[in-house]
Protein backbone atom coordinates (compact mmCIF):
# COMPACT_ATOMS: atom_id res chain seq x y z
CA MET A 1 -113.79 -26.40 8.35
CA PRO A 2 -114.17 -28.22 5.03
CA PHE A 3 -113.77 -31.94 5.24
CA SER A 4 -110.91 -32.09 2.77
CA THR A 5 -108.75 -29.68 4.77
CA LEU A 6 -108.85 -31.94 7.81
CA PHE A 7 -106.12 -33.87 6.07
CA ALA A 8 -103.86 -30.88 6.51
CA LEU A 9 -103.74 -30.92 10.28
CA SER A 10 -101.51 -33.96 10.52
CA LEU A 11 -101.66 -37.54 9.34
CA ASN A 12 -103.32 -38.65 12.55
CA ASN A 13 -105.97 -35.96 12.28
CA MET A 14 -106.35 -36.87 8.64
CA LEU A 15 -107.39 -40.34 9.60
CA LYS A 16 -109.62 -39.57 12.54
CA PRO A 17 -112.78 -38.78 10.55
CA MET A 18 -112.40 -42.04 8.67
CA LYS A 19 -111.95 -44.00 11.90
CA LYS A 20 -115.46 -43.40 13.15
CA LEU A 21 -116.31 -46.89 12.02
CA LEU A 22 -113.84 -48.33 14.52
CA LEU A 23 -116.39 -49.37 17.08
CA SER A 24 -116.77 -51.80 19.94
CA LEU A 25 -118.33 -55.18 19.31
CA ALA A 26 -120.22 -54.80 22.58
CA VAL A 27 -123.45 -54.05 20.76
CA LEU A 28 -124.20 -57.56 19.68
CA GLY A 29 -127.86 -56.83 20.32
CA ALA A 30 -127.95 -53.80 18.05
CA TRP A 31 -130.10 -55.50 15.43
CA ALA A 32 -133.13 -55.18 17.67
CA SER A 33 -132.30 -51.77 19.13
CA VAL A 34 -131.89 -50.09 15.73
CA SER A 35 -135.44 -50.94 14.74
CA ALA A 36 -136.70 -49.24 17.89
CA GLN A 37 -134.79 -46.03 17.29
CA GLN A 38 -136.70 -44.58 14.38
CA VAL A 39 -136.19 -40.85 13.87
CA ALA A 40 -139.56 -39.16 13.42
CA TYR A 41 -139.66 -36.08 11.20
CA GLU A 42 -141.95 -34.04 9.01
CA GLU A 43 -140.88 -32.48 5.72
CA TYR A 44 -142.49 -30.11 3.26
CA ASP A 45 -141.70 -27.36 0.74
CA LEU A 46 -142.39 -23.65 0.94
CA ASP A 47 -143.66 -21.91 -2.17
CA ASN A 48 -140.21 -20.41 -2.78
CA GLY A 49 -138.70 -23.90 -3.07
CA LEU A 50 -137.09 -24.13 0.38
CA HIS A 51 -137.32 -27.69 1.67
CA VAL A 52 -138.08 -27.90 5.40
CA VAL A 53 -137.46 -30.88 7.70
CA LEU A 54 -138.63 -30.78 11.32
CA HIS A 55 -137.58 -33.34 13.93
CA GLN A 56 -139.19 -32.85 17.34
CA ASP A 57 -137.40 -34.35 20.35
CA ASN A 58 -138.33 -32.87 23.71
CA GLY A 59 -135.90 -35.03 25.66
CA ALA A 60 -133.39 -32.21 26.24
CA PRO A 61 -133.89 -28.41 26.22
CA VAL A 62 -131.79 -27.72 23.11
CA VAL A 63 -132.60 -27.04 19.49
CA VAL A 64 -130.57 -27.02 16.28
CA THR A 65 -131.37 -24.72 13.38
CA SER A 66 -129.43 -25.51 10.23
CA VAL A 67 -129.38 -24.79 6.51
CA MET A 68 -127.57 -26.81 3.88
CA TYR A 69 -127.00 -25.30 0.45
CA HIS A 70 -126.43 -27.49 -2.58
CA VAL A 71 -123.24 -25.69 -3.55
CA GLY A 72 -119.66 -26.81 -3.12
CA SER A 73 -116.35 -26.48 -4.86
CA LYS A 74 -117.57 -28.55 -7.80
CA ASP A 75 -119.96 -25.71 -8.73
CA GLU A 76 -117.17 -23.20 -9.25
CA ASN A 77 -115.70 -21.75 -12.41
CA PRO A 78 -112.32 -23.48 -13.04
CA GLU A 79 -110.80 -19.99 -13.25
CA LYS A 80 -112.45 -18.87 -10.00
CA THR A 81 -111.98 -21.69 -7.51
CA GLY A 82 -112.41 -21.46 -3.76
CA PHE A 83 -115.66 -19.50 -3.86
CA ALA A 84 -117.86 -22.00 -1.99
CA HIS A 85 -115.41 -22.29 0.89
CA PHE A 86 -114.92 -18.52 0.83
CA PHE A 87 -118.67 -18.04 1.29
CA GLU A 88 -118.60 -20.34 4.29
CA HIS A 89 -116.69 -17.47 5.91
CA LEU A 90 -118.20 -14.52 4.08
CA LEU A 91 -121.80 -15.17 5.11
CA PHE A 92 -120.86 -14.66 8.75
CA GLU A 93 -119.86 -11.06 8.01
CA GLY A 94 -123.30 -9.70 8.77
CA SER A 95 -126.56 -8.64 7.15
CA GLU A 96 -128.77 -5.61 6.83
CA ASN A 97 -129.96 -6.28 10.39
CA ILE A 98 -126.81 -7.81 11.91
CA ALA A 99 -123.83 -5.51 12.33
CA ARG A 100 -120.56 -6.65 10.85
CA GLY A 101 -118.85 -9.07 13.23
CA ASP A 102 -121.89 -9.48 15.48
CA PHE A 103 -123.13 -12.86 14.22
CA PHE A 104 -120.98 -14.90 16.61
CA LYS A 105 -121.56 -12.45 19.45
CA ILE A 106 -125.32 -12.83 19.16
CA VAL A 107 -125.04 -16.61 19.24
CA THR A 108 -122.69 -16.89 22.20
CA SER A 109 -124.41 -14.21 24.25
CA ASN A 110 -127.60 -16.25 24.00
CA GLY A 111 -126.01 -19.47 25.19
CA GLY A 112 -125.50 -20.92 21.73
CA TYR A 113 -122.85 -22.42 19.52
CA ASN A 114 -122.55 -22.23 15.75
CA ASN A 115 -120.32 -23.39 12.92
CA ALA A 116 -120.20 -24.12 9.21
CA ASN A 117 -118.37 -26.40 6.81
CA THR A 118 -117.95 -26.86 3.09
CA THR A 119 -117.28 -29.89 0.91
CA GLN A 120 -117.01 -30.47 -2.79
CA ASP A 121 -120.82 -30.89 -2.91
CA ARG A 122 -122.52 -28.71 -0.27
CA THR A 123 -122.19 -25.99 2.36
CA TYR A 124 -123.72 -26.39 5.83
CA TYR A 125 -124.46 -23.80 8.52
CA TYR A 126 -125.94 -24.56 11.94
CA GLU A 127 -126.63 -23.18 15.41
CA LEU A 128 -127.22 -25.08 18.65
CA PHE A 129 -129.26 -23.08 21.18
CA PRO A 130 -131.19 -23.57 24.39
CA SER A 131 -134.66 -24.37 23.11
CA ASN A 132 -136.10 -21.01 24.15
CA ASN A 133 -133.99 -19.46 21.35
CA LEU A 134 -135.55 -21.33 18.44
CA GLU A 135 -136.84 -18.08 16.95
CA LEU A 136 -133.41 -16.48 17.21
CA GLY A 137 -131.80 -19.35 15.31
CA LEU A 138 -134.36 -19.14 12.53
CA TRP A 139 -133.98 -15.39 12.29
CA LEU A 140 -130.20 -15.66 12.00
CA GLU A 141 -130.40 -18.17 9.17
CA SER A 142 -133.11 -16.20 7.39
CA GLU A 143 -130.91 -13.10 7.60
CA ARG A 144 -128.01 -15.01 6.06
CA LEU A 145 -130.30 -16.00 3.20
CA LEU A 146 -132.35 -12.85 2.68
CA HIS A 147 -130.17 -9.90 3.70
CA PRO A 148 -126.47 -10.78 3.40
CA ILE A 149 -124.11 -7.88 2.88
CA ILE A 150 -121.52 -8.71 0.24
CA ASN A 151 -119.24 -5.68 0.24
CA GLN A 152 -115.57 -4.95 -0.33
CA ILE A 153 -114.75 -4.68 3.37
CA GLY A 154 -116.08 -8.15 4.09
CA VAL A 155 -114.45 -9.65 1.00
CA ASP A 156 -111.07 -8.18 1.85
CA THR A 157 -111.31 -9.32 5.47
CA GLN A 158 -112.21 -12.88 4.57
CA LYS A 159 -109.53 -13.09 1.89
CA GLU A 160 -106.98 -12.63 4.66
CA VAL A 161 -108.72 -15.25 6.81
CA VAL A 162 -108.76 -17.81 4.00
CA GLN A 163 -105.15 -17.09 3.09
CA GLU A 164 -104.12 -17.79 6.68
CA GLU A 165 -106.24 -20.96 6.75
CA ARG A 166 -104.57 -22.20 3.57
CA ARG A 167 -101.13 -21.57 5.01
CA LEU A 168 -101.97 -23.17 8.36
CA ARG A 169 -103.96 -26.20 7.26
CA VAL A 170 -102.54 -26.95 3.83
CA ASP A 171 -99.29 -25.34 2.75
CA ASN A 172 -97.45 -25.51 6.09
CA ALA A 173 -99.07 -28.61 7.59
CA PRO A 174 -97.58 -32.11 7.43
CA TYR A 175 -99.26 -34.09 4.63
CA GLY A 176 -101.48 -31.06 4.03
CA ARG A 177 -101.50 -31.42 0.25
CA LEU A 178 -101.99 -35.16 0.11
CA ILE A 179 -105.60 -35.29 -1.04
CA GLU A 180 -105.15 -32.25 -3.27
CA ASN A 181 -102.43 -34.08 -5.20
CA MET A 182 -104.33 -37.34 -5.36
CA PHE A 183 -107.48 -35.72 -6.73
CA LYS A 184 -105.74 -33.65 -9.38
CA ASN A 185 -104.29 -36.88 -10.76
CA MET A 186 -107.49 -38.90 -10.39
CA PHE A 187 -109.88 -36.45 -12.08
CA THR A 188 -109.39 -34.90 -15.50
CA ASN A 189 -112.78 -33.38 -16.34
CA HIS A 190 -114.67 -33.25 -13.06
CA PRO A 191 -114.29 -30.22 -10.74
CA TYR A 192 -113.28 -32.61 -7.96
CA ARG A 193 -109.82 -32.15 -9.49
CA TRP A 194 -109.29 -28.96 -7.45
CA SER A 195 -109.37 -28.61 -3.68
CA VAL A 196 -112.24 -27.20 -1.65
CA ILE A 197 -110.12 -24.34 -0.37
CA GLY A 198 -109.26 -23.49 -3.98
CA SER A 199 -106.75 -21.07 -5.37
CA LEU A 200 -105.67 -18.00 -3.43
CA GLU A 201 -104.74 -16.39 -6.72
CA HIS A 202 -108.28 -16.85 -8.00
CA LEU A 203 -109.74 -15.31 -4.86
CA ALA A 204 -107.27 -12.43 -4.96
CA SER A 205 -108.11 -11.56 -8.56
CA ALA A 206 -111.90 -11.92 -8.19
CA SER A 207 -114.01 -8.78 -8.28
CA LEU A 208 -116.73 -7.82 -5.83
CA GLU A 209 -119.24 -8.47 -8.59
CA ASP A 210 -117.94 -12.04 -8.94
CA PHE A 211 -118.77 -12.72 -5.31
CA GLN A 212 -122.15 -11.01 -5.51
CA ASP A 213 -123.05 -13.06 -8.59
CA PHE A 214 -122.06 -16.31 -6.87
CA ASN A 215 -124.23 -15.44 -3.88
CA GLN A 216 -127.22 -14.57 -6.05
CA GLN A 217 -126.88 -17.79 -8.03
CA TYR A 218 -126.51 -20.37 -5.26
CA TYR A 219 -127.61 -19.02 -1.86
CA ILE A 220 -131.31 -19.10 -2.62
CA PRO A 221 -134.21 -20.96 -0.95
CA ASN A 222 -134.77 -23.32 -3.88
CA ASN A 223 -131.17 -24.54 -3.49
CA ALA A 224 -131.38 -25.21 0.24
CA VAL A 225 -132.85 -27.39 2.95
CA LEU A 226 -133.72 -26.02 6.40
CA VAL A 227 -133.64 -28.51 9.29
CA VAL A 228 -134.90 -27.83 12.80
CA ALA A 229 -134.18 -30.57 15.32
CA GLY A 230 -134.71 -30.73 19.06
CA ASP A 231 -136.98 -29.35 21.73
CA PHE A 232 -139.82 -27.36 20.17
CA GLU A 233 -143.54 -27.52 19.50
CA MET A 234 -144.36 -28.48 15.94
CA GLU A 235 -147.04 -25.92 15.14
CA GLU A 236 -145.04 -23.08 16.65
CA ALA A 237 -141.99 -24.08 14.62
CA LYS A 238 -143.99 -24.24 11.40
CA LYS A 239 -145.34 -20.75 12.00
CA LEU A 240 -141.88 -19.35 12.70
CA VAL A 241 -140.45 -21.04 9.62
CA SER A 242 -143.21 -19.51 7.54
CA ASP A 243 -142.76 -16.08 9.11
CA TYR A 244 -139.03 -15.91 8.52
CA PHE A 245 -138.50 -17.91 5.33
CA ALA A 246 -141.67 -17.81 3.23
CA PRO A 247 -141.17 -14.12 2.25
CA ILE A 248 -137.72 -14.84 0.78
CA PRO A 249 -137.92 -14.68 -3.03
CA LYS A 250 -137.26 -17.80 -5.04
CA GLY A 251 -134.06 -17.71 -7.07
CA ASP A 252 -133.46 -18.73 -10.65
CA ASN A 253 -133.51 -22.44 -11.31
CA ILE A 254 -130.06 -24.02 -11.10
CA VAL A 255 -129.06 -26.52 -13.73
CA LYS A 256 -126.35 -28.75 -12.32
CA LYS A 257 -123.61 -29.66 -14.76
CA THR A 258 -122.58 -33.26 -15.19
CA TYR A 259 -119.07 -34.48 -15.90
CA ALA A 260 -118.01 -37.88 -17.18
CA GLU A 261 -114.58 -39.32 -16.50
CA ASP A 262 -112.98 -41.95 -18.70
CA PRO A 263 -111.65 -44.99 -16.85
CA ILE A 264 -108.15 -44.55 -15.49
CA ASP A 265 -105.65 -46.02 -17.93
CA GLY A 266 -102.70 -46.64 -15.72
CA PRO A 267 -101.46 -47.03 -13.22
CA ILE A 268 -100.87 -43.29 -13.06
CA LYS A 269 -97.67 -42.69 -11.10
CA ALA A 270 -97.26 -39.35 -9.34
CA GLN A 271 -94.94 -37.81 -6.79
CA PHE A 272 -95.10 -34.78 -4.54
CA GLU A 273 -92.39 -33.32 -2.30
CA ASP A 274 -93.64 -31.89 0.99
CA PRO A 275 -91.17 -29.71 2.94
CA ASN A 276 -93.19 -30.28 6.13
CA ILE A 277 -92.62 -34.03 6.54
CA GLN A 278 -89.78 -36.40 7.34
CA ILE A 279 -91.54 -39.74 6.75
CA PRO A 280 -92.74 -40.61 3.24
CA LEU A 281 -96.27 -41.83 2.58
CA VAL A 282 -97.57 -43.96 -0.26
CA LEU A 283 -101.20 -43.47 -1.33
CA LEU A 284 -103.13 -45.62 -3.80
CA GLY A 285 -106.32 -44.12 -5.23
CA TYR A 286 -109.12 -45.82 -7.16
CA ARG A 287 -112.00 -43.87 -8.68
CA THR A 288 -115.30 -45.23 -7.39
CA PRO A 289 -119.03 -44.51 -7.83
CA GLY A 290 -121.01 -41.75 -6.14
CA GLN A 291 -121.98 -42.13 -2.51
CA ALA A 292 -125.61 -43.04 -3.16
CA GLU A 293 -124.69 -46.20 -5.10
CA LYS A 294 -124.83 -49.49 -3.21
CA ASP A 295 -121.25 -50.22 -4.30
CA ALA A 296 -120.13 -47.20 -2.26
CA TYR A 297 -121.61 -48.78 0.86
CA VAL A 298 -119.78 -52.01 0.09
CA LEU A 299 -116.52 -50.07 -0.23
CA ASN A 300 -117.15 -48.58 3.21
CA MET A 301 -117.31 -52.12 4.55
CA ILE A 302 -114.12 -53.08 2.74
CA SER A 303 -112.37 -50.11 4.35
CA SER A 304 -113.44 -51.23 7.78
CA TYR A 305 -112.31 -54.78 7.08
CA LEU A 306 -108.88 -53.67 5.92
CA SER A 307 -107.86 -51.00 8.40
CA ASP A 308 -110.37 -50.12 11.14
CA GLY A 309 -109.18 -51.29 14.51
CA GLU A 310 -106.38 -53.33 16.01
CA SER A 311 -107.80 -56.56 14.59
CA SER A 312 -108.19 -55.30 11.01
CA VAL A 313 -106.28 -57.09 8.27
CA LEU A 314 -103.72 -54.46 7.31
CA GLN A 315 -103.23 -53.23 10.86
CA LYS A 316 -102.43 -56.71 12.16
CA LYS A 317 -100.23 -57.63 9.23
CA LEU A 318 -98.20 -54.51 8.51
CA VAL A 319 -98.16 -52.65 11.83
CA ASP A 320 -98.27 -55.37 14.48
CA GLU A 321 -96.79 -58.51 12.94
CA LYS A 322 -94.37 -57.50 10.21
CA ARG A 323 -93.68 -54.02 11.62
CA MET A 324 -93.39 -52.63 8.13
CA ALA A 325 -95.67 -49.64 8.62
CA LEU A 326 -95.85 -46.88 11.18
CA GLN A 327 -99.47 -46.39 10.19
CA ILE A 328 -101.75 -47.96 7.61
CA PHE A 329 -105.17 -46.86 6.38
CA ALA A 330 -107.94 -47.54 3.90
CA PHE A 331 -111.09 -45.49 3.43
CA ASN A 332 -113.73 -44.65 0.88
CA TYR A 333 -113.81 -40.89 0.28
CA SER A 334 -117.43 -40.75 -0.83
CA LEU A 335 -118.76 -37.78 -2.77
CA GLU A 336 -121.96 -37.06 -4.65
CA ASP A 337 -120.80 -37.75 -8.21
CA TYR A 338 -117.77 -39.99 -7.73
CA GLY A 339 -115.76 -41.38 -4.88
CA ALA A 340 -112.11 -42.11 -4.29
CA TYR A 341 -111.09 -45.31 -2.57
CA LEU A 342 -107.77 -44.63 -0.86
CA LEU A 343 -105.23 -47.02 0.66
CA GLY A 344 -101.82 -46.21 1.96
CA GLY A 345 -99.38 -46.02 4.79
CA LEU A 346 -96.09 -44.78 6.19
CA PRO A 347 -93.21 -47.26 5.87
CA LEU A 348 -91.27 -48.18 8.99
CA GLY A 349 -87.65 -49.21 9.36
CA SER A 350 -86.13 -50.80 6.27
CA ALA A 351 -89.49 -51.19 4.55
CA SER A 352 -90.01 -49.05 1.46
CA MET A 353 -93.14 -47.57 -0.08
CA ASP A 354 -92.93 -50.27 -2.78
CA ASP A 355 -92.84 -52.93 -0.07
CA LEU A 356 -96.07 -51.58 1.42
CA VAL A 357 -97.75 -51.57 -1.98
CA ILE A 358 -96.84 -55.23 -2.51
CA GLU A 359 -98.31 -56.18 0.85
CA ILE A 360 -101.46 -54.12 0.33
CA ASP A 361 -101.98 -55.60 -3.13
CA GLU A 362 -101.68 -59.08 -1.66
CA GLU A 363 -104.62 -58.42 0.67
CA ILE A 364 -106.65 -56.84 -2.11
CA GLU A 365 -106.14 -59.93 -4.27
CA LYS A 366 -107.39 -62.10 -1.41
CA LEU A 367 -110.53 -59.97 -1.25
CA LYS A 368 -111.02 -60.41 -5.00
CA THR A 369 -110.48 -64.16 -4.86
CA ASP A 370 -111.85 -65.43 -1.55
CA LEU A 371 -114.91 -64.70 0.54
CA ILE A 372 -114.13 -63.09 3.87
CA SER A 373 -114.84 -65.34 6.83
CA GLU A 374 -118.29 -65.51 8.35
CA ARG A 375 -116.80 -64.24 11.62
CA ASP A 376 -115.30 -61.16 9.93
CA TYR A 377 -118.56 -60.57 8.10
CA GLN A 378 -120.57 -60.59 11.35
CA LYS A 379 -118.01 -58.29 12.92
CA LEU A 380 -118.54 -55.79 10.09
CA GLN A 381 -122.30 -55.97 10.48
CA ASN A 382 -121.97 -55.26 14.21
CA GLN A 383 -119.66 -52.31 13.56
CA PHE A 384 -122.03 -50.69 11.11
CA GLU A 385 -125.05 -51.33 13.32
CA ASN A 386 -123.29 -49.52 16.14
CA SER A 387 -122.17 -46.69 13.87
CA PHE A 388 -125.73 -46.24 12.65
CA VAL A 389 -127.07 -45.98 16.21
CA ASN A 390 -124.34 -43.53 17.23
CA SER A 391 -124.94 -41.26 14.24
CA ASN A 392 -128.45 -40.57 15.54
CA SER A 393 -127.49 -40.12 19.17
CA SER A 394 -127.59 -36.29 19.25
CA VAL A 395 -129.79 -33.61 17.75
CA GLU A 396 -126.73 -32.16 16.01
CA GLY A 397 -126.03 -35.47 14.32
CA ILE A 398 -129.68 -35.95 13.41
CA ALA A 399 -129.96 -32.47 11.90
CA ASN A 400 -126.87 -33.05 9.78
CA SER A 401 -128.07 -36.47 8.65
CA LEU A 402 -131.53 -35.21 7.70
CA ALA A 403 -130.08 -32.36 5.65
CA ARG A 404 -127.44 -34.52 3.97
CA ASN A 405 -129.78 -37.39 3.17
CA TYR A 406 -132.27 -35.07 1.53
CA MET A 407 -129.73 -32.92 -0.31
CA LEU A 408 -127.16 -35.43 -1.52
CA TYR A 409 -129.03 -38.72 -1.57
CA GLY A 410 -132.54 -37.55 -2.45
CA ASN A 411 -133.96 -39.66 0.39
CA THR A 412 -134.48 -38.07 3.81
CA ASP A 413 -135.61 -41.38 5.27
CA LEU A 414 -132.14 -42.86 4.94
CA ILE A 415 -131.79 -41.68 8.52
CA ASN A 416 -133.98 -44.69 9.36
CA THR A 417 -133.28 -47.09 6.50
CA GLU A 418 -129.60 -46.75 5.61
CA ILE A 419 -128.72 -49.64 7.89
CA ASP A 420 -130.87 -51.88 5.69
CA ILE A 421 -128.44 -51.26 2.84
CA TYR A 422 -125.56 -52.50 4.96
CA ARG A 423 -127.61 -55.47 6.14
CA SER A 424 -128.27 -56.43 2.53
CA ILE A 425 -124.56 -56.57 1.66
CA THR A 426 -123.27 -60.11 1.36
CA ARG A 427 -119.81 -61.60 1.41
CA GLU A 428 -120.25 -62.17 -2.31
CA ASP A 429 -120.97 -58.46 -2.78
CA ILE A 430 -117.70 -57.60 -1.04
CA ARG A 431 -115.74 -59.85 -3.35
CA ALA A 432 -117.52 -58.58 -6.47
CA VAL A 433 -116.98 -54.90 -5.62
CA ALA A 434 -113.30 -55.48 -4.87
CA ARG A 435 -112.95 -57.13 -8.28
CA LYS A 436 -114.81 -54.29 -9.97
CA TYR A 437 -112.92 -51.30 -8.60
CA LEU A 438 -109.68 -52.27 -6.87
CA ASN A 439 -107.57 -52.96 -9.94
CA ALA A 440 -103.92 -51.94 -10.10
CA GLU A 441 -104.12 -50.81 -13.70
CA GLN A 442 -106.92 -48.37 -12.86
CA ARG A 443 -105.44 -46.42 -9.99
CA VAL A 444 -103.22 -43.51 -9.07
CA GLU A 445 -100.03 -44.35 -7.19
CA LEU A 446 -98.82 -41.28 -5.31
CA ASN A 447 -95.46 -41.19 -3.56
CA TYR A 448 -95.68 -38.34 -1.06
CA ILE A 449 -92.13 -37.71 0.08
CA PRO A 450 -90.01 -35.22 2.03
CA LYS A 451 -88.74 -32.33 -0.06
CA GLN A 452 -85.37 -33.15 -1.58
CA ASN A 453 -82.49 -30.72 -1.10
């Protein structure tokens, strides 16, 4: 499931992925433990351009095989949106050596689990198997890359699947079009302005050749990273990787387009009527830098300070004390080229959306004027230490992190060093970043309201 469509399940589900930073302060000794938990890995390139990362951990008899492709919704033609997400489904249809519909059957019948997801920037496929099925996992992913069958039957089948997903998770779900409406107002030039799931009309009008061309352009070894993590022997894994992936031909070089956005000259005021809700929601959006910038890490900390946990500033003030909000949230929606810093909430009782904005702005101004307390600063450091440890607590998480860090950050070793970025952030940095980005005249103000009769 693409990350952006999680917002369509319900408001609570929308917020869950962003609440992972809500962590216990019980790990006051995490500073020392993090240093001891280095993730060992080996990485190299095949001649066809496929980047390979191997992480051996023989602690449990499981292994993850995964491939991340550097293609997401931002790589689509504006007149043919939804292709990257569509391929998340389409490439499970089968291959020259896997009968149509048998991909999942092969995985489950061999004790495995598999899934895929798409974002604006990348597409990720993975399998988790008992470790004696390492070769099977590599074969499956090599088949997806080398021998996919892109035919009319598969395209027509997956069009119906995607149409139903759009109806279920977006069009008919409470708050399902929240992020879609924010991004189309926040971005003018960049492809982030359309949703990952894209346009059903574009998919319906696309030809078979359109899909075949998209596959040939982006699903190639020199646009991918293969990660194997878990219980295996290194030399055996290298041989299997070479056997299954080295023969795959290199594709044409991909030249990524760049898009520049002018600063928001606002505030931009927008409104959307959702027939699936009864409680309005106000959402403030600020355009922010790409996820690899240090400022993006600072914004993650600001999010945690404002709304993560019962003791966070906005939670205490607006939910617990003043009882003005049913729910309040702040998070940094980080993407490769830009980010979107989002704050908002659902008014409660006699409070209005405008009342919530006034209260939120008051706390933002404090951030821009005063340094947060030393106690709050240490609390943030403890939270991010714990989050860092937890992110590397399973082979699934490690495989995802290794692929993402290489593909989107250009630095695989962030799996070991990212915490140093958070450690380097000072209270002064938090104040400076708030001043730089969280300005009322450079934001989108979206009133997301029940449909009016």
